[in-house]
Structures are given as structure tokens and as C-alpha cells.
N, C-alpha and C. Protein backbone atom coordinates (compact mmCIF):
# COMPACT_ATOMS: atom_id res chain seq x y z
N UNK A 1 -7.65 -61.63 -15.85
CA UNK A 1 -7.21 -62.59 -14.32
C UNK A 1 -6.31 -63.62 -14.87
N UNK A 2 -5.32 -63.51 -13.59
CA UNK A 2 -4.27 -64.72 -13.93
C UNK A 2 -4.72 -65.87 -13.11
N UNK A 3 -5.88 -65.69 -12.23
CA UNK A 3 -6.12 -66.89 -11.27
C UNK A 3 -5.18 -67.04 -10.06
N UNK A 4 -4.51 -65.69 -9.79
CA UNK A 4 -3.80 -65.82 -8.12
C UNK A 4 -4.76 -64.80 -7.36
N UNK A 5 -6.05 -64.95 -7.04
CA UNK A 5 -6.72 -64.19 -6.11
C UNK A 5 -7.84 -63.47 -7.03
N UNK A 6 -8.47 -62.37 -5.95
CA UNK A 6 -9.34 -61.64 -6.65
C UNK A 6 -9.13 -60.59 -7.44
N UNK A 7 -9.82 -60.16 -8.54
CA UNK A 7 -9.47 -58.78 -9.27
C UNK A 7 -10.07 -57.76 -8.40
N UNK A 8 -9.84 -56.63 -9.03
CA UNK A 8 -9.88 -55.44 -8.60
C UNK A 8 -11.22 -54.68 -9.16
N UNK A 9 -12.21 -55.71 -9.37
CA UNK A 9 -13.64 -55.36 -10.31
C UNK A 9 -14.54 -54.95 -8.82
N UNK A 10 -15.97 -55.70 -9.00
CA UNK A 10 -16.62 -55.17 -8.08
C UNK A 10 -16.67 -55.22 -6.58
N UNK A 11 -15.87 -56.25 -6.45
CA UNK A 11 -15.40 -56.63 -5.18
C UNK A 11 -14.83 -55.55 -4.22
N UNK A 12 -13.71 -55.03 -5.01
CA UNK A 12 -13.22 -53.78 -4.30
C UNK A 12 -13.94 -52.48 -4.14
N UNK A 13 -14.74 -52.20 -5.17
CA UNK A 13 -15.61 -51.07 -5.05
C UNK A 13 -17.01 -51.31 -4.13
N UNK A 14 -17.11 -52.68 -3.85
CA UNK A 14 -18.56 -53.15 -3.01
C UNK A 14 -17.69 -52.84 -1.43
N UNK A 15 -16.34 -53.06 -1.29
CA UNK A 15 -16.02 -52.76 -0.01
C UNK A 15 -15.98 -51.28 0.49
N UNK A 16 -15.83 -50.20 -0.42
CA UNK A 16 -15.82 -48.95 -0.40
C UNK A 16 -17.07 -48.64 -0.13
N UNK A 17 -18.03 -49.30 -0.60
CA UNK A 17 -19.40 -49.39 -0.38
C UNK A 17 -19.85 -49.41 1.26
N UNK A 18 -19.52 -50.47 1.42
CA UNK A 18 -19.87 -51.47 2.84
C UNK A 18 -19.09 -50.51 4.06
N UNK A 19 -18.12 -50.48 3.74
CA UNK A 19 -17.38 -49.85 5.28
C UNK A 19 -17.88 -48.65 5.69
N UNK A 20 -18.42 -47.36 4.40
CA UNK A 20 -18.69 -46.48 5.07
C UNK A 20 -20.02 -46.68 6.09
N UNK A 21 -20.58 -47.27 5.74
CA UNK A 21 -22.10 -47.70 6.38
C UNK A 21 -21.85 -48.37 7.06
N UNK A 22 -21.13 -49.33 7.62
CA UNK A 22 -20.64 -49.91 8.80
C UNK A 22 -20.10 -48.82 9.82
N UNK A 23 -19.33 -48.21 9.45
CA UNK A 23 -18.75 -47.02 10.14
C UNK A 23 -19.85 -45.88 10.69
N UNK A 24 -20.65 -45.83 9.98
CA UNK A 24 -21.99 -44.81 10.41
C UNK A 24 -22.71 -45.39 11.30
N UNK A 25 -22.99 -46.98 11.21
CA UNK A 25 -23.92 -47.64 12.06
C UNK A 25 -23.07 -47.57 13.28
N UNK A 26 -21.77 -47.77 13.54
CA UNK A 26 -21.27 -47.80 14.45
C UNK A 26 -21.11 -46.82 14.99
N UNK A 27 -20.99 -45.68 14.57
CA UNK A 27 -21.01 -44.19 15.14
C UNK A 27 -22.19 -43.81 15.48
N UNK A 28 -23.37 -44.52 15.10
CA UNK A 28 -24.79 -44.49 15.87
C UNK A 28 -24.89 -45.06 16.88
N UNK A 29 -24.79 -46.07 16.95
CA UNK A 29 -24.71 -46.90 18.24
C UNK A 29 -23.89 -46.10 19.62
N UNK A 30 -22.49 -45.87 19.06
CA UNK A 30 -21.91 -44.98 20.21
C UNK A 30 -22.39 -43.81 20.48
N UNK A 31 -22.78 -42.87 19.67
CA UNK A 31 -23.65 -41.62 19.96
C UNK A 31 -24.97 -41.99 20.88
N UNK A 32 -25.64 -42.72 20.37
CA UNK A 32 -26.95 -43.64 20.95
C UNK A 32 -26.74 -43.66 22.55
N UNK A 33 -25.30 -44.52 22.39
CA UNK A 33 -24.91 -45.17 24.07
C UNK A 33 -24.80 -43.94 24.93
N UNK A 34 -23.94 -42.90 24.28
CA UNK A 34 -23.68 -41.48 24.87
C UNK A 34 -25.10 -41.04 25.55
N UNK A 35 -25.89 -40.64 24.79
CA UNK A 35 -27.08 -40.19 24.87
C UNK A 35 -27.93 -40.77 25.93
N UNK A 36 -27.79 -42.04 25.91
CA UNK A 36 -28.79 -43.05 26.83
C UNK A 36 -28.22 -42.52 28.29
N UNK A 37 -26.88 -42.82 28.16
CA UNK A 37 -26.16 -42.29 29.59
C UNK A 37 -26.39 -41.21 30.19
N UNK A 38 -26.35 -40.17 29.42
CA UNK A 38 -26.58 -38.71 29.82
C UNK A 38 -28.14 -38.56 30.09
N UNK A 39 -29.14 -39.35 29.36
CA UNK A 39 -30.48 -38.91 30.00
C UNK A 39 -30.53 -39.89 31.22
N UNK A 40 -30.37 -40.89 31.29
CA UNK A 40 -30.28 -41.69 32.57
C UNK A 40 -29.86 -41.37 33.72
N UNK A 41 -28.52 -40.56 33.52
CA UNK A 41 -28.08 -40.15 34.47
C UNK A 41 -28.67 -38.56 35.19
N UNK A 42 -29.01 -37.97 34.12
CA UNK A 42 -30.17 -36.69 34.36
C UNK A 42 -31.47 -37.07 35.06
N UNK A 43 -32.09 -38.22 34.61
CA UNK A 43 -33.21 -38.66 35.36
C UNK A 43 -32.78 -39.10 36.83
N UNK A 44 -31.79 -39.84 36.84
CA UNK A 44 -31.54 -39.91 38.62
C UNK A 44 -31.74 -38.64 39.19
N UNK A 45 -30.71 -37.62 38.71
CA UNK A 45 -30.25 -36.89 39.34
C UNK A 45 -31.19 -35.52 40.05
N UNK A 46 -32.29 -35.81 38.90
CA UNK A 46 -33.54 -35.04 39.15
C UNK A 46 -34.55 -35.61 40.18
N UNK A 47 -34.35 -37.04 40.05
CA UNK A 47 -35.43 -37.79 40.74
C UNK A 47 -35.38 -37.32 42.64
N UNK A 48 -36.16 -37.34 43.17
CA UNK A 48 -36.45 -36.74 44.57
C UNK A 48 -35.83 -38.02 45.27
N UNK A 49 -35.48 -37.37 46.46
CA UNK A 49 -34.69 -38.41 47.27
C UNK A 49 -35.86 -38.60 48.18
N UNK A 50 -35.49 -40.07 48.34
CA UNK A 50 -36.43 -40.61 49.27
C UNK A 50 -36.19 -41.44 50.28
N UNK A 51 -36.48 -41.77 51.50
CA UNK A 51 -35.75 -41.97 52.77
C UNK A 51 -36.61 -43.17 53.01
N UNK A 52 -36.38 -44.39 53.80
CA UNK A 52 -37.37 -45.29 54.06
C UNK A 52 -36.42 -46.38 54.50
N UNK A 53 -37.37 -47.18 55.51
CA UNK A 53 -36.20 -48.18 56.27
C UNK A 53 -36.31 -49.60 55.54
N UNK A 54 -35.11 -50.03 55.13
CA UNK A 54 -34.84 -51.14 55.00
C UNK A 54 -33.50 -51.92 55.41
N UNK A 55 -33.84 -53.14 54.86
CA UNK A 55 -32.48 -54.13 55.52
C UNK A 55 -31.38 -54.49 53.88
N UNK A 56 -30.39 -54.02 54.15
CA UNK A 56 -29.20 -54.66 53.03
C UNK A 56 -29.46 -56.58 53.02
N UNK A 57 -29.54 -56.40 51.69
CA UNK A 57 -29.59 -57.92 51.56
C UNK A 57 -28.57 -58.68 50.85
N UNK A 58 -28.09 -57.70 49.99
CA UNK A 58 -26.73 -58.05 49.16
C UNK A 58 -25.97 -57.28 48.63
N UNK A 59 -24.91 -57.36 48.34
CA UNK A 59 -24.11 -56.37 47.67
C UNK A 59 -23.01 -56.91 46.36
N UNK A 60 -23.08 -56.29 45.36
CA UNK A 60 -22.17 -56.69 44.27
C UNK A 60 -21.47 -55.93 43.72
N UNK A 61 -20.57 -56.26 42.89
CA UNK A 61 -19.84 -55.50 42.08
C UNK A 61 -19.74 -56.24 40.61
N UNK A 62 -19.80 -54.97 39.74
CA UNK A 62 -19.43 -55.52 38.14
C UNK A 62 -18.52 -54.84 37.75
N UNK A 63 -17.42 -55.00 37.19
CA UNK A 63 -15.85 -54.93 36.77
C UNK A 63 -16.24 -54.98 35.33
N UNK A 64 -16.42 -53.88 34.36
CA UNK A 64 -15.94 -53.93 32.97
C UNK A 64 -14.96 -53.30 32.52
N UNK A 65 -14.39 -53.90 31.92
CA UNK A 65 -12.90 -53.91 30.91
C UNK A 65 -13.45 -53.27 29.75
N UNK A 66 -12.71 -52.18 29.43
CA UNK A 66 -12.58 -51.44 27.84
C UNK A 66 -11.14 -51.33 27.22
N UNK A 67 -11.15 -52.04 26.02
CA UNK A 67 -9.70 -51.82 25.72
C UNK A 67 -9.81 -51.35 24.28
N UNK A 68 -9.00 -50.14 24.14
CA UNK A 68 -9.03 -49.16 23.04
C UNK A 68 -7.86 -49.08 22.29
N UNK A 69 -7.88 -49.73 20.98
CA UNK A 69 -6.90 -49.86 19.85
C UNK A 69 -6.82 -48.75 19.35
N UNK A 70 -5.49 -47.73 18.87
CA UNK A 70 -5.21 -46.92 18.02
C UNK A 70 -3.70 -46.98 17.45
N UNK A 71 -3.61 -46.40 16.45
CA UNK A 71 -2.51 -46.50 15.89
C UNK A 71 -1.69 -44.87 16.01
N UNK A 72 -0.62 -44.68 16.28
CA UNK A 72 0.16 -43.44 16.44
C UNK A 72 1.54 -43.41 16.12
N UNK A 73 1.64 -42.43 14.90
CA UNK A 73 3.13 -42.61 14.03
C UNK A 73 3.37 -44.04 13.62
N UNK A 74 2.20 -44.65 12.90
CA UNK A 74 2.74 -46.05 12.50
C UNK A 74 3.05 -47.18 13.61
N UNK A 75 2.86 -46.82 14.82
CA UNK A 75 2.76 -47.97 15.92
C UNK A 75 1.62 -48.26 16.33
N UNK A 76 1.36 -49.33 16.64
CA UNK A 76 0.04 -49.98 17.03
C UNK A 76 -0.06 -50.12 18.53
N UNK A 77 -1.07 -49.02 19.15
CA UNK A 77 -0.92 -49.04 20.58
C UNK A 77 -2.29 -49.33 20.95
N UNK A 78 -2.36 -49.95 22.11
CA UNK A 78 -3.76 -50.38 22.71
C UNK A 78 -3.54 -49.90 24.20
N UNK A 79 -4.99 -49.50 24.61
CA UNK A 79 -4.96 -49.04 26.24
C UNK A 79 -6.26 -49.76 26.89
N UNK A 80 -5.61 -50.28 27.81
CA UNK A 80 -6.95 -51.05 28.62
C UNK A 80 -7.10 -50.12 29.92
N UNK A 81 -8.63 -50.21 30.12
CA UNK A 81 -9.04 -49.61 31.11
C UNK A 81 -10.59 -50.67 32.00
N UNK A 82 -10.58 -50.37 33.20
CA UNK A 82 -11.67 -50.94 33.69
C UNK A 82 -12.12 -50.25 34.87
N UNK A 83 -13.32 -50.41 34.65
CA UNK A 83 -14.37 -49.62 35.96
C UNK A 83 -15.11 -50.44 36.84
N UNK A 84 -15.31 -50.24 37.87
CA UNK A 84 -15.99 -51.31 38.87
C UNK A 84 -17.33 -50.27 39.22
N UNK A 85 -18.69 -51.11 38.96
CA UNK A 85 -19.91 -50.34 39.65
C UNK A 85 -20.34 -51.24 40.60
N UNK A 86 -20.45 -50.61 41.82
CA UNK A 86 -20.96 -51.10 42.91
C UNK A 86 -22.81 -51.36 43.29
N UNK A 87 -23.12 -52.27 43.71
CA UNK A 87 -24.81 -52.20 43.74
C UNK A 87 -24.79 -52.93 44.86
N UNK A 88 -26.10 -52.29 45.98
CA UNK A 88 -26.40 -52.57 47.09
C UNK A 88 -28.06 -53.01 47.15
N UNK A 89 -28.45 -54.16 47.47
CA UNK A 89 -29.78 -54.46 47.25
C UNK A 89 -30.31 -54.41 48.32
N UNK A 90 -31.72 -53.83 48.62
CA UNK A 90 -32.86 -53.17 49.83
C UNK A 90 -33.47 -54.06 49.77
N UNK A 91 -34.04 -54.56 50.90
CA UNK A 91 -35.30 -55.07 51.05
C UNK A 91 -36.13 -54.51 51.84
N UNK A 92 -37.45 -54.20 51.68
CA UNK A 92 -37.94 -53.10 52.45
C UNK A 92 -39.06 -53.91 53.21
N UNK A 93 -40.03 -52.87 54.01
CA UNK A 93 -41.05 -53.57 55.14
C UNK A 93 -41.72 -54.88 54.28
N UNK A 94 -42.22 -54.05 53.41
CA UNK A 94 -43.55 -55.12 52.42
C UNK A 94 -42.81 -56.30 51.73
N UNK A 95 -41.57 -56.65 51.88
CA UNK A 95 -40.87 -57.81 51.20
C UNK A 95 -40.19 -57.66 49.90
N UNK A 96 -40.48 -56.29 49.31
CA UNK A 96 -39.95 -56.41 48.05
C UNK A 96 -38.53 -55.88 48.36
N UNK A 97 -37.60 -56.19 46.96
CA UNK A 97 -36.53 -55.99 47.17
C UNK A 97 -36.02 -55.53 45.44
N UNK A 98 -35.07 -54.28 45.69
CA UNK A 98 -34.63 -53.39 44.46
C UNK A 98 -33.09 -53.23 45.07
N UNK A 99 -32.39 -53.38 43.71
CA UNK A 99 -31.15 -53.20 43.64
C UNK A 99 -30.61 -51.86 43.20
N UNK A 100 -29.72 -51.04 44.19
CA UNK A 100 -29.53 -49.71 43.54
C UNK A 100 -27.86 -49.61 43.44
N UNK A 101 -27.96 -48.78 42.32
CA UNK A 101 -25.98 -48.48 42.06
C UNK A 101 -25.71 -47.19 43.24
N UNK A 102 -24.53 -47.97 43.68
CA UNK A 102 -24.07 -46.96 44.65
C UNK A 102 -23.08 -46.00 44.23
N UNK A 103 -23.55 -44.46 44.23
CA UNK A 103 -23.14 -43.60 44.09
C UNK A 103 -22.10 -42.67 45.02
N UNK A 104 -22.43 -43.37 46.34
CA UNK A 104 -21.70 -42.52 46.93
C UNK A 104 -20.66 -43.20 48.19
N UNK A 105 -20.19 -44.49 47.53
CA UNK A 105 -19.01 -45.34 47.88
C UNK A 105 -19.45 -45.70 49.60
N UNK A 106 -20.71 -46.20 49.72
CA UNK A 106 -21.38 -46.73 50.89
C UNK A 106 -20.74 -48.49 50.94
N UNK A 107 -20.32 -49.04 49.88
CA UNK A 107 -19.99 -50.41 49.72
C UNK A 107 -19.58 -50.63 50.90
N UNK A 108 -18.29 -50.02 51.24
CA UNK A 108 -17.55 -50.84 52.26
C UNK A 108 -17.85 -50.47 53.47
N UNK A 109 -19.08 -49.39 53.61
CA UNK A 109 -19.34 -48.72 54.97
C UNK A 109 -20.69 -49.92 55.59
N UNK A 110 -21.30 -50.84 54.84
CA UNK A 110 -22.57 -51.30 55.06
C UNK A 110 -22.22 -52.92 54.57
N UNK A 111 -22.93 -53.77 55.24
CA UNK A 111 -22.82 -55.29 55.22
C UNK A 111 -24.00 -55.96 55.36
N UNK A 112 -24.30 -57.22 54.52
CA UNK A 112 -25.25 -57.56 54.57
C UNK A 112 -26.22 -57.87 55.87
N UNK A 113 -27.28 -57.45 55.86
CA UNK A 113 -28.06 -57.61 56.85
C UNK A 113 -28.30 -56.51 58.04
N UNK A 114 -27.65 -55.44 57.60
CA UNK A 114 -27.50 -54.05 58.09
C UNK A 114 -29.04 -53.69 57.82
N UNK A 115 -29.73 -53.17 58.93
CA UNK A 115 -30.86 -52.15 58.94
C UNK A 115 -30.78 -51.08 59.19
N UNK A 116 -31.38 -50.25 58.49
CA UNK A 116 -31.79 -48.68 58.87
C UNK A 116 -32.68 -48.02 57.70
N UNK A 117 -31.92 -46.33 57.80
CA UNK A 117 -32.86 -45.87 56.62
C UNK A 117 -32.10 -45.36 55.54
N UNK A 118 -32.37 -45.92 54.34
CA UNK A 118 -31.58 -45.95 53.24
C UNK A 118 -32.29 -44.52 52.69
N UNK A 119 -31.29 -43.57 51.97
CA UNK A 119 -31.82 -42.59 50.99
C UNK A 119 -31.82 -43.33 49.46
N UNK A 120 -32.53 -42.90 48.82
CA UNK A 120 -32.51 -43.54 47.44
C UNK A 120 -32.95 -42.15 46.65
N UNK A 121 -32.38 -42.12 45.16
CA UNK A 121 -32.99 -41.07 44.30
C UNK A 121 -32.67 -41.83 43.24
N UNK A 122 -33.75 -42.09 42.33
CA UNK A 122 -34.18 -42.75 41.24
C UNK A 122 -33.43 -44.07 41.30
N UNK A 123 -32.27 -44.46 40.64
CA UNK A 123 -31.97 -46.23 40.68
C UNK A 123 -30.50 -45.93 41.55
N UNK A 124 -30.32 -44.89 42.48
CA UNK A 124 -29.02 -44.66 42.92
C UNK A 124 -29.33 -44.90 44.60
N UNK A 125 -28.35 -45.43 45.49
CA UNK A 125 -28.24 -45.46 46.73
C UNK A 125 -27.60 -44.39 46.95
N UNK A 126 -28.02 -43.00 47.77
CA UNK A 126 -26.99 -41.95 48.31
C UNK A 126 -26.98 -41.76 49.86
N UNK A 127 -27.59 -42.48 50.46
CA UNK A 127 -26.92 -42.35 51.76
C UNK A 127 -27.40 -43.91 52.44
N UNK A 128 -27.11 -44.27 53.91
CA UNK A 128 -27.55 -45.43 54.52
C UNK A 128 -27.31 -45.08 56.05
N UNK A 129 -28.20 -45.09 56.56
CA UNK A 129 -28.07 -44.58 58.37
C UNK A 129 -28.49 -45.90 59.24
N UNK A 130 -27.36 -46.40 59.66
CA UNK A 130 -27.80 -47.87 60.48
C UNK A 130 -28.45 -47.67 61.85
N UNK A 131 -29.51 -48.33 61.48
CA UNK A 131 -30.02 -48.36 62.76
C UNK A 131 -30.10 -49.62 63.73
N UNK A 132 -30.25 -49.46 65.04
CA UNK A 132 -29.76 -50.58 66.20
C UNK A 132 -31.22 -51.20 66.47
N UNK A 133 -32.43 -50.92 65.84
CA UNK A 133 -33.84 -51.27 66.45
C UNK A 133 -34.16 -52.74 66.09
N UNK A 134 -35.19 -52.85 66.25
CA UNK A 134 -35.29 -54.38 65.78
C UNK A 134 -35.52 -54.72 64.20
N UNK A 135 -34.93 -55.72 63.97
CA UNK A 135 -34.49 -56.04 62.53
C UNK A 135 -35.64 -56.30 61.71
N UNK A 136 -35.61 -56.38 60.52
CA UNK A 136 -37.21 -56.44 59.36
C UNK A 136 -37.42 -58.26 59.88
N UNK A 137 -38.42 -58.44 59.55
CA UNK A 137 -38.91 -59.86 59.42
C UNK A 137 -38.16 -60.57 58.21
């Protein structure tokens, strides 16, 4: 040992033991996230559609950014992407509120305070028919 940095002893071998474990754990998290998304989507898609009278009390957007780093032919590249999720919160006759994911592009067609019949399917809002009758309390 010359005193100028680490030796190639146990530390180097430890790195080749820990890195595959960390990569395996990351792989498990990615596969788990994909499976969770698929199961959640299937659950909502199989849920019965229900129509109920409600008032739109709020709308919100959730922008999620993702950066993917990769090497190609020795050059480092990164790809940036984003996705916006739209949510609509409904208030029902009994005063309860629930937020739904907008999967049918209703976000720009409705405003807070609109009342009418909302078709919901699981955690999704799939339709909204505006009513011109007496508003909710």
C-alpha cells in the first residue's frame, strides 16, 4: 500500500456484492410499481358505472416530471418528459366530497359550482351532464 487512495482489497469486492443487490431491489420496486398501476387500472375499468347528482367543488392538475438518463455510443443523453393528471372533486347531496381522476377530458368542460349528474367508475369520473335545476345546499 502506497498511501495514495484505497487498495483493491475488500472494498472493491464489497462493491461488486452490494451493486447487484441494489439493482435487484430497484428492479423489484419498478416491477412492483408497474403491477400496482395495472391492477389499479383494471380495478377501475371493471368497476360499475354509477350516476349521481353532485356539484363540482374543485379542480386540480398534477404535473409529474420524469428524466431518463442513458448512454448511447459512449455519449450521455437524457430524455425529459412530463404528464399532467387532472382531478375533479364532487360534493354529493349528503355533503360528502370525493376527488376523481378525469379520464375523459372533462376538466376543461366543467367549472367549479356546476351541478348535474356525474358518472363515476371506481376512482374515475367518466361523464358529467350539467343540470340547470336547483343547486345543492
